[in-house]
Amino acid sequence: MSCEVLVLYFAKSSELAGVRSETLTVSTEITSQQLWDQIVRSHPSLSAIQDQVVLAVRQEYVAIGDELLILNTGDEIAVIPPISGG
C-alpha cells in the first residue's frame, strides 16, 4: 500500500532540491533508508549531503538506516541538512 506524504526541505537541502516542499507517494511501510533513496531519486543532487542529513518524521528525528517507518497520508517528512554555525 502507498500513501502521500509532504516532504519539507530546509536550508542546503532546499537549495539542492530546488524546492521547499513537495508531495511524494511512498509505501506505507518503508525503512528510513528506502525513504531517503526515493527522495534522492527525485533530486539526485541531494546525494551530495547524504552522509550528513537527518530526517524528521512527524517532527521526530530518524536516522537513515534500517528503521521501519509506518507512514500515513499527510505525514510530514523533513529533510534536515547539517547546520553550520560559528
Protein backbone atom coordinates (compact mmCIF):
# COMPACT_ATOMS: atom_id res chain seq x y z
CA MET A 1 0.00 0.00 0.00
CA SER A 2 1.09 3.56 -0.55
CA CYS A 3 0.31 6.99 0.83
CA GLU A 4 1.09 10.61 0.06
CA VAL A 5 3.46 12.43 2.41
CA LEU A 6 4.61 16.04 2.47
CA VAL A 7 8.38 16.36 2.21
CA LEU A 8 9.84 19.62 3.53
CA TYR A 9 13.34 20.69 2.52
CA PHE A 10 15.39 23.00 4.74
CA ALA A 11 18.50 25.12 4.10
CA LYS A 12 21.04 23.33 1.89
CA SER A 13 18.61 20.51 1.03
CA SER A 14 16.15 23.09 -0.34
CA GLU A 15 18.90 24.66 -2.44
CA LEU A 16 19.97 21.29 -3.84
CA ALA A 17 16.44 20.02 -4.49
CA GLY A 18 15.29 23.33 -5.94
CA VAL A 19 12.03 23.14 -3.97
CA ARG A 20 10.96 23.91 -0.43
CA SER A 21 8.30 21.21 -0.25
CA GLU A 22 6.55 18.60 -2.34
CA THR A 23 4.20 15.67 -2.07
CA LEU A 24 5.62 12.20 -2.66
CA THR A 25 3.83 8.88 -2.94
CA VAL A 26 5.64 6.30 -0.81
CA SER A 27 4.97 2.88 0.70
CA THR A 28 3.12 2.94 4.00
CA GLU A 29 5.80 0.59 5.41
CA ILE A 30 9.27 1.74 4.42
CA THR A 31 12.69 1.91 6.04
CA SER A 32 14.25 5.31 6.56
CA GLN A 33 16.98 4.30 4.05
CA GLN A 34 14.38 3.40 1.40
CA LEU A 35 12.61 6.70 2.04
CA TRP A 36 15.87 8.64 1.63
CA ASP A 37 16.70 6.68 -1.54
CA GLN A 38 13.32 7.60 -3.00
CA ILE A 39 13.84 11.28 -2.18
CA VAL A 40 17.29 11.17 -3.81
CA ARG A 41 15.81 9.56 -6.94
CA SER A 42 13.59 12.63 -7.25
CA HIS A 43 16.51 15.00 -6.55
CA PRO A 44 19.87 13.32 -7.34
CA SER A 45 21.79 16.44 -6.24
CA LEU A 46 20.82 15.61 -2.63
CA SER A 47 23.27 12.71 -2.67
CA ALA A 48 25.97 15.35 -2.01
CA ILE A 49 24.75 15.69 1.60
CA GLN A 50 23.52 12.17 2.30
CA ASP A 51 26.21 11.41 4.89
CA GLN A 52 25.24 14.43 7.00
CA VAL A 53 21.48 14.70 6.57
CA VAL A 54 18.85 13.58 9.06
CA LEU A 55 15.16 13.05 8.50
CA ALA A 56 12.37 14.06 10.80
CA VAL A 57 9.16 12.07 10.54
CA ARG A 58 6.17 13.70 12.25
CA GLN A 59 8.68 16.04 13.95
CA GLU A 60 10.81 13.23 15.39
CA TYR A 61 14.39 12.70 14.25
CA VAL A 62 15.05 9.44 12.43
CA ALA A 63 18.50 8.14 11.49
CA ILE A 64 18.81 6.99 7.90
CA GLY A 65 19.14 3.23 8.08
CA ASP A 66 17.09 0.10 8.71
CA GLU A 67 14.47 1.66 10.98
CA LEU A 68 10.99 0.70 9.75
CA LEU A 69 8.61 3.62 9.39
CA ILE A 70 4.84 3.32 9.26
CA LEU A 71 3.61 6.28 7.23
CA ASN A 72 0.13 7.67 6.67
CA THR A 73 -1.23 10.09 4.12
CA GLY A 74 -0.49 13.64 5.25
CA ASP A 75 2.57 12.79 7.35
CA GLU A 76 5.38 15.35 7.21
CA ILE A 77 8.91 14.30 6.40
CA ALA A 78 11.58 16.96 6.93
CA VAL A 79 14.98 16.75 5.25
CA ILE A 80 17.38 18.48 7.64
CA PRO A 81 20.90 19.09 6.34
CA PRO A 82 23.92 19.80 8.51
CA ILE A 83 23.64 23.19 10.11
CA SER A 84 26.76 25.28 10.04
CA GLY A 85 27.36 27.61 12.90
CA GLY A 86 30.08 29.65 14.48
